Amino acid sequence: NNKKPENPFAFPYSDELEGYTQNGMTLRDYFAAKAMQSLIINNQKWNYMSYSDIPKIITRDSYKIADAMLKQREL
């Protein structure tokens, strides 16, 4: 199944009096940010890696977790 999970906006805001709308971040980005915090705090393997590899690995894994969370919402 190659269908991407639904990815709504997490914090949309609309001020009808001012005619202002702000979509905010996507739910995928919000989930990834939450997952990233846990990956950074709870992972001892960073001590054994090149510093330049760490951001790539954290972001990759954070978005994998976010995608799994979005997929789970569809069940």
PDB file of N, CA and C in Angstrom:
ATOM      1  N   ASN A   1       0.846  -1.180   0.000  1.00  0.00           N
ATOM      2  CA  ASN A   1       0.000   0.000   0.000  1.00  0.00           C
ATOM      3  C   ASN A   1       0.893   1.245   0.000  1.00  0.00           C
ATOM      4  N   ASN A   2       0.934   1.956  -1.097  1.00  0.00           N
ATOM      5  CA  ASN A   2       1.780   3.146  -1.221  1.00  0.00           C
ATOM      6  C   ASN A   2       1.047   4.435  -0.906  1.00  0.00           C
ATOM      7  N   LYS A   3      -0.187   4.330  -0.480  1.00  0.00           N
ATOM      8  CA  LYS A   3      -0.967   5.523  -0.156  1.00  0.00           C
ATOM      9  C   LYS A   3      -0.369   6.216   1.060  1.00  0.00           C
ATOM     10  N   LYS A   4      -0.133   7.523   0.923  1.00  0.00           N
ATOM     11  CA  LYS A   4       0.402   8.277   2.059  1.00  0.00           C
ATOM     12  C   LYS A   4      -0.718   8.549   3.056  1.00  0.00           C
ATOM     13  N   PRO A   5      -0.392   8.504   4.341  1.00  0.00           N
ATOM     14  CA  PRO A   5      -1.407   8.807   5.356  1.00  0.00           C
ATOM     15  C   PRO A   5      -1.839  10.274   5.277  1.00  0.00           C
ATOM     16  N   GLU A   6      -3.035  10.522   5.734  1.00  0.00           N
ATOM     17  CA  GLU A   6      -3.529  11.896   5.797  1.00  0.00           C
ATOM     18  C   GLU A   6      -2.619  12.711   6.709  1.00  0.00           C
ATOM     19  N   ASN A   7      -2.334  13.945   6.308  1.00  0.00           N
ATOM     20  CA  ASN A   7      -1.418  14.803   7.073  1.00  0.00           C
ATOM     21  C   ASN A   7      -2.058  16.182   7.251  1.00  0.00           C
ATOM     22  N   PRO A   8      -3.035  16.287   8.154  1.00  0.00           N
ATOM     23  CA  PRO A   8      -3.707  17.580   8.341  1.00  0.00           C
ATOM     24  C   PRO A   8      -2.814  18.572   9.078  1.00  0.00           C
ATOM     25  N   PHE A   9      -3.271  19.805   9.111  1.00  0.00           N
ATOM     26  CA  PHE A   9      -2.557  20.818   9.882  1.00  0.00           C
ATOM     27  C   PHE A   9      -2.830  20.609  11.364  1.00  0.00           C
ATOM     28  N   ALA A  10      -1.803  20.817  12.175  1.00  0.00           N
ATOM     29  CA  ALA A  10      -1.917  20.565  13.608  1.00  0.00           C
ATOM     30  C   ALA A  10      -2.568  21.727  14.361  1.00  0.00           C
ATOM     31  N   PHE A  11      -2.250  22.950  13.987  1.00  0.00           N
ATOM     32  CA  PHE A  11      -2.733  24.105  14.735  1.00  0.00           C
ATOM     33  C   PHE A  11      -3.227  25.214  13.816  1.00  0.00           C
ATOM     34  N   PRO A  12      -4.251  24.942  13.007  1.00  0.00           N
ATOM     35  CA  PRO A  12      -4.751  26.007  12.141  1.00  0.00           C
ATOM     36  C   PRO A  12      -5.391  27.117  12.974  1.00  0.00           C
ATOM     37  N   TYR A  13      -5.333  28.311  12.441  1.00  0.00           N
ATOM     38  CA  TYR A  13      -5.886  29.471  13.145  1.00  0.00           C
ATOM     39  C   TYR A  13      -6.539  30.381  12.118  1.00  0.00           C
ATOM     40  N   SER A  14      -7.692  30.870  12.459  1.00  0.00           N
ATOM     41  CA  SER A  14      -8.382  31.773  11.557  1.00  0.00           C
ATOM     42  C   SER A  14      -9.013  32.903  12.369  1.00  0.00           C
ATOM     43  N   ASP A  15      -8.762  34.120  11.958  1.00  0.00           N
ATOM     44  CA  ASP A  15      -9.382  35.289  12.566  1.00  0.00           C
ATOM     45  C   ASP A  15     -10.294  35.908  11.510  1.00  0.00           C
ATOM     46  N   GLU A  16     -11.573  35.588  11.600  1.00  0.00           N
ATOM     47  CA  GLU A  16     -12.514  36.028  10.567  1.00  0.00           C
ATOM     48  C   GLU A  16     -12.679  37.545  10.545  1.00  0.00           C
ATOM     49  N   LEU A  17     -12.534  38.192  11.680  1.00  0.00           N
ATOM     50  CA  LEU A  17     -12.669  39.648  11.714  1.00  0.00           C
ATOM     51  C   LEU A  17     -11.543  40.334  10.946  1.00  0.00           C
ATOM     52  N   GLU A  18     -10.351  39.815  11.049  1.00  0.00           N
ATOM     53  CA  GLU A  18      -9.184  40.390  10.373  1.00  0.00           C
ATOM     54  C   GLU A  18      -8.955  39.761   9.004  1.00  0.00           C
ATOM     55  N   GLY A  19      -9.679  38.693   8.705  1.00  0.00           N
ATOM     56  CA  GLY A  19      -9.490  37.999   7.438  1.00  0.00           C
ATOM     57  C   GLY A  19      -8.141  37.308   7.360  1.00  0.00           C
ATOM     58  N   TYR A  20      -7.671  36.801   8.478  1.00  0.00           N
ATOM     59  CA  TYR A  20      -6.345  36.211   8.573  1.00  0.00           C
ATOM     60  C   TYR A  20      -6.480  34.713   8.822  1.00  0.00           C
ATOM     61  N   THR A  21      -5.750  33.934   8.055  1.00  0.00           N
ATOM     62  CA  THR A  21      -5.722  32.494   8.252  1.00  0.00           C
ATOM     63  C   THR A  21      -4.276  32.021   8.299  1.00  0.00           C
ATOM     64  N   GLN A  22      -3.996  31.170   9.243  1.00  0.00           N
ATOM     65  CA  GLN A  22      -2.666  30.587   9.386  1.00  0.00           C
ATOM     66  C   GLN A  22      -2.844  29.084   9.502  1.00  0.00           C
ATOM     67  N   ASN A  23      -2.226  28.331   8.600  1.00  0.00           N
ATOM     68  CA  ASN A  23      -2.383  26.880   8.641  1.00  0.00           C
ATOM     69  C   ASN A  23      -1.615  26.236   9.776  1.00  0.00           C
ATOM     70  N   GLY A  24      -0.510  26.790  10.162  1.00  0.00           N
ATOM     71  CA  GLY A  24       0.307  26.180  11.200  1.00  0.00           C
ATOM     72  C   GLY A  24       1.117  25.024  10.650  1.00  0.00           C
ATOM     73  N   MET A  25       1.740  24.299  11.532  1.00  0.00           N
ATOM     74  CA  MET A  25       2.562  23.162  11.100  1.00  0.00           C
ATOM     75  C   MET A  25       1.667  21.968  10.799  1.00  0.00           C
ATOM     76  N   THR A  26       2.207  21.025  10.042  1.00  0.00           N
ATOM     77  CA  THR A  26       1.435  19.822   9.770  1.00  0.00           C
ATOM     78  C   THR A  26       1.521  18.885  10.963  1.00  0.00           C
ATOM     79  N   LEU A  27       0.578  17.979  11.016  1.00  0.00           N
ATOM     80  CA  LEU A  27       0.570  17.008  12.094  1.00  0.00           C
ATOM     81  C   LEU A  27       1.816  16.120  12.013  1.00  0.00           C
ATOM     82  N   ARG A  28       2.285  15.837  10.803  1.00  0.00           N
ATOM     83  CA  ARG A  28       3.509  15.040  10.636  1.00  0.00           C
ATOM     84  C   ARG A  28       4.703  15.748  11.265  1.00  0.00           C
ATOM     85  N   ASP A  29       4.834  17.053  11.029  1.00  0.00           N
ATOM     86  CA  ASP A  29       5.931  17.809  11.622  1.00  0.00           C
ATOM     87  C   ASP A  29       5.817  17.847  13.149  1.00  0.00           C
ATOM     88  N   TYR A  30       4.602  17.986  13.646  1.00  0.00           N
ATOM     89  CA  TYR A  30       4.380  18.014  15.090  1.00  0.00           C
ATOM     90  C   TYR A  30       4.782  16.673  15.718  1.00  0.00           C
ATOM     91  N   PHE A  31       4.327  15.568  15.107  1.00  0.00           N
ATOM     92  CA  PHE A  31       4.695  14.252  15.611  1.00  0.00           C
ATOM     93  C   PHE A  31       6.205  14.043  15.554  1.00  0.00           C
ATOM     94  N   ALA A  32       6.835  14.460  14.465  1.00  0.00           N
ATOM     95  CA  ALA A  32       8.284  14.289  14.317  1.00  0.00           C
ATOM     96  C   ALA A  32       9.033  15.080  15.391  1.00  0.00           C
ATOM     97  N   ALA A  33       8.564  16.284  15.690  1.00  0.00           N
ATOM     98  CA  ALA A  33       9.223  17.095  16.722  1.00  0.00           C
ATOM     99  C   ALA A  33       9.130  16.415  18.084  1.00  0.00           C
ATOM    100  N   LYS A  34       7.976  15.820  18.386  1.00  0.00           N
ATOM    101  CA  LYS A  34       7.813  15.118  19.657  1.00  0.00           C
ATOM    102  C   LYS A  34       8.715  13.881  19.710  1.00  0.00           C
ATOM    103  N   ALA A  35       8.765  13.138  18.613  1.00  0.00           N
ATOM    104  CA  ALA A  35       9.608  11.943  18.565  1.00  0.00           C
ATOM    105  C   ALA A  35      11.078  12.325  18.679  1.00  0.00           C
ATOM    106  N   MET A  36      11.456  13.428  18.052  1.00  0.00           N
ATOM    107  CA  MET A  36      12.852  13.871  18.053  1.00  0.00           C
ATOM    108  C   MET A  36      13.340  14.131  19.479  1.00  0.00           C
ATOM    109  N   GLN A  37      12.498  14.724  20.291  1.00  0.00           N
ATOM    110  CA  GLN A  37      12.888  14.995  21.680  1.00  0.00           C
ATOM    111  C   GLN A  37      13.259  13.713  22.398  1.00  0.00           C
ATOM    112  N   SER A  38      12.450  12.700  22.228  1.00  0.00           N
ATOM    113  CA  SER A  38      12.707  11.432  22.892  1.00  0.00           C
ATOM    114  C   SER A  38      13.960  10.748  22.341  1.00  0.00           C
ATOM    115  N   LEU A  39      14.137  10.790  21.037  1.00  0.00           N
ATOM    116  CA  LEU A  39      15.324  10.166  20.438  1.00  0.00           C
ATOM    117  C   LEU A  39      16.608  10.822  20.932  1.00  0.00           C
ATOM    118  N   ILE A  40      16.591  12.119  21.064  1.00  0.00           N
ATOM    119  CA  ILE A  40      17.791  12.830  21.508  1.00  0.00           C
ATOM    120  C   ILE A  40      18.101  12.502  22.967  1.00  0.00           C
ATOM    121  N   ILE A  41      17.087  12.522  23.803  1.00  0.00           N
ATOM    122  CA  ILE A  41      17.289  12.341  25.238  1.00  0.00           C
ATOM    123  C   ILE A  41      17.616  10.895  25.603  1.00  0.00           C
ATOM    124  N   ASN A  42      16.968   9.945  24.951  1.00  0.00           N
ATOM    125  CA  ASN A  42      17.030   8.552  25.399  1.00  0.00           C
ATOM    126  C   ASN A  42      17.950   7.650  24.594  1.00  0.00           C
ATOM    127  N   ASN A  43      18.870   8.187  23.849  1.00  0.00           N
ATOM    128  CA  ASN A  43      19.680   7.320  23.015  1.00  0.00           C
ATOM    129  C   ASN A  43      21.164   7.442  23.357  1.00  0.00           C
ATOM    130  N   GLN A  44      21.716   6.371  23.858  1.00  0.00           N
ATOM    131  CA  GLN A  44      23.126   6.343  24.251  1.00  0.00           C
ATOM    132  C   GLN A  44      24.074   6.135  23.073  1.00  0.00           C
ATOM    133  N   LYS A  45      23.544   5.726  21.912  1.00  0.00           N
ATOM    134  CA  LYS A  45      24.429   5.435  20.786  1.00  0.00           C
ATOM    135  C   LYS A  45      25.093   6.688  20.212  1.00  0.00           C
ATOM    136  N   TRP A  46      24.602   7.873  20.556  1.00  0.00           N
ATOM    137  CA  TRP A  46      25.216   9.103  20.019  1.00  0.00           C
ATOM    138  C   TRP A  46      26.673   9.222  20.454  1.00  0.00           C
ATOM    139  N   ASN A  47      27.028   8.621  21.578  1.00  0.00           N
ATOM    140  CA  ASN A  47      28.401   8.669  22.066  1.00  0.00           C
ATOM    141  C   ASN A  47      29.384   7.980  21.127  1.00  0.00           C
ATOM    142  N   TYR A  48      28.883   7.066  20.304  1.00  0.00           N
ATOM    143  CA  TYR A  48      29.750   6.257  19.447  1.00  0.00           C
ATOM    144  C   TYR A  48      29.681   6.652  17.978  1.00  0.00           C
ATOM    145  N   MET A  49      29.034   7.763  17.665  1.00  0.00           N
ATOM    146  CA  MET A  49      28.845   8.164  16.277  1.00  0.00           C
ATOM    147  C   MET A  49      29.575   9.461  15.970  1.00  0.00           C
ATOM    148  N   SER A  50      29.810   9.642  14.702  1.00  0.00           N
ATOM    149  CA  SER A  50      30.366  10.903  14.235  1.00  0.00           C
ATOM    150  C   SER A  50      29.318  11.999  14.452  1.00  0.00           C
ATOM    151  N   TYR A  51      29.751  13.126  14.964  1.00  0.00           N
ATOM    152  CA  TYR A  51      28.821  14.217  15.248  1.00  0.00           C
ATOM    153  C   TYR A  51      28.046  14.641  14.003  1.00  0.00           C
ATOM    154  N   SER A  52      28.673  14.602  12.845  1.00  0.00           N
ATOM    155  CA  SER A  52      28.005  15.049  11.621  1.00  0.00           C
ATOM    156  C   SER A  52      26.890  14.103  11.182  1.00  0.00           C
ATOM    157  N   ASP A  53      26.906  12.851  11.631  1.00  0.00           N
ATOM    158  CA  ASP A  53      25.863  11.885  11.262  1.00  0.00           C
ATOM    159  C   ASP A  53      24.625  11.988  12.141  1.00  0.00           C
ATOM    160  N   ILE A  54      24.772  12.495  13.323  1.00  0.00           N
ATOM    161  CA  ILE A  54      23.685  12.483  14.307  1.00  0.00           C
ATOM    162  C   ILE A  54      22.441  13.229  13.821  1.00  0.00           C
ATOM    163  N   PRO A  55      22.522  14.464  13.321  1.00  0.00           N
ATOM    164  CA  PRO A  55      21.301  15.152  12.883  1.00  0.00           C
ATOM    165  C   PRO A  55      20.557  14.406  11.771  1.00  0.00           C
ATOM    166  N   LYS A  56      21.279  13.826  10.841  1.00  0.00           N
ATOM    167  CA  LYS A  56      20.624  13.082   9.755  1.00  0.00           C
ATOM    168  C   LYS A  56      19.872  11.877  10.298  1.00  0.00           C
ATOM    169  N   ILE A  57      20.478  11.175  11.213  1.00  0.00           N
ATOM    170  CA  ILE A  57      19.856   9.972  11.774  1.00  0.00           C
ATOM    171  C   ILE A  57      18.639  10.341  12.618  1.00  0.00           C
ATOM    172  N   ILE A  58      18.764  11.371  13.425  1.00  0.00           N
ATOM    173  CA  ILE A  58      17.650  11.789  14.283  1.00  0.00           C
ATOM    174  C   ILE A  58      16.463  12.234  13.441  1.00  0.00           C
ATOM    175  N   THR A  59      16.695  13.053  12.427  1.00  0.00           N
ATOM    176  CA  THR A  59      15.577  13.517  11.614  1.00  0.00           C
ATOM    177  C   THR A  59      14.947  12.369  10.832  1.00  0.00           C
ATOM    178  N   ARG A  60      15.766  11.483  10.288  1.00  0.00           N
ATOM    179  CA  ARG A  60      15.237  10.333   9.547  1.00  0.00           C
ATOM    180  C   ARG A  60      14.342   9.487  10.450  1.00  0.00           C
ATOM    181  N   ASP A  61      14.837   9.161  11.620  1.00  0.00           N
ATOM    182  CA  ASP A  61      14.076   8.313  12.544  1.00  0.00           C
ATOM    183  C   ASP A  61      12.844   9.022  13.085  1.00  0.00           C
ATOM    184  N   SER A  62      12.940  10.312  13.316  1.00  0.00           N
ATOM    185  CA  SER A  62      11.787  11.082  13.809  1.00  0.00           C
ATOM    186  C   SER A  62      10.643  11.057  12.813  1.00  0.00           C
ATOM    187  N   TYR A  63      10.963  11.219  11.540  1.00  0.00           N
ATOM    188  CA  TYR A  63       9.909  11.202  10.522  1.00  0.00           C
ATOM    189  C   TYR A  63       9.389   9.791  10.268  1.00  0.00           C
ATOM    190  N   LYS A  64      10.197   8.779  10.473  1.00  0.00           N
ATOM    191  CA  LYS A  64       9.692   7.404  10.387  1.00  0.00           C
ATOM    192  C   LYS A  64       8.646   7.168  11.474  1.00  0.00           C
ATOM    193  N   ILE A  65       8.938   7.644  12.668  1.00  0.00           N
ATOM    194  CA  ILE A  65       7.989   7.506  13.776  1.00  0.00           C
ATOM    195  C   ILE A  65       6.726   8.312  13.487  1.00  0.00           C
ATOM    196  N   ALA A  66       6.887   9.531  13.001  1.00  0.00           N
ATOM    197  CA  ALA A  66       5.733  10.382  12.676  1.00  0.00           C
ATOM    198  C   ALA A  66       4.859   9.722  11.614  1.00  0.00           C
ATOM    199  N   ASP A  67       5.469   9.148  10.587  1.00  0.00           N
ATOM    200  CA  ASP A  67       4.700   8.481   9.536  1.00  0.00           C
ATOM    201  C   ASP A  67       3.939   7.286  10.085  1.00  0.00           C
ATOM    202  N   ALA A  68       4.553   6.542  11.010  1.00  0.00           N
ATOM    203  CA  ALA A  68       3.874   5.420  11.630  1.00  0.00           C
ATOM    204  C   ALA A  68       2.696   5.897  12.478  1.00  0.00           C
ATOM    205  N   MET A  69       2.865   7.022  13.144  1.00  0.00           N
ATOM    206  CA  MET A  69       1.773   7.562  13.958  1.00  0.00           C
ATOM    207  C   MET A  69       0.610   8.014  13.074  1.00  0.00           C
ATOM    208  N   LEU A  70       0.907   8.650  11.960  1.00  0.00           N
ATOM    209  CA  LEU A  70      -0.146   9.063  11.034  1.00  0.00           C
ATOM    210  C   LEU A  70      -0.865   7.848  10.471  1.00  0.00           C
ATOM    211  N   LYS A  71      -0.130   6.825  10.115  1.00  0.00           N
ATOM    212  CA  LYS A  71      -0.723   5.606   9.577  1.00  0.00           C
ATOM    213  C   LYS A  71      -1.635   4.957  10.614  1.00  0.00           C
ATOM    214  N   GLN A  72      -1.200   4.942  11.856  1.00  0.00           N
ATOM    215  CA  GLN A  72      -1.988   4.330  12.917  1.00  0.00           C
ATOM    216  C   GLN A  72      -3.321   5.060  13.122  1.00  0.00           C
ATOM    217  N   ARG A  73      -3.352   6.345  12.892  1.00  0.00           N
ATOM    218  CA  ARG A  73      -4.575   7.126  13.060  1.00  0.00           C
ATOM    219  C   ARG A  73      -5.672   6.696  12.086  1.00  0.00           C
ATOM    220  N   GLU A  74      -5.269   6.091  10.975  1.00  0.00           N
ATOM    221  CA  GLU A  74      -6.243   5.674   9.957  1.00  0.00           C
ATOM    222  C   GLU A  74      -6.929   4.355  10.305  1.00  0.00           C
ATOM    223  N   LEU A  75      -6.405   3.623  11.279  1.00  0.00           N
ATOM    224  CA  LEU A  75      -6.988   2.318  11.613  1.00  0.00           C
ATOM    225  C   LEU A  75      -8.257   2.450  12.423  1.00  0.00           C
TER     226      LEU A  75
END
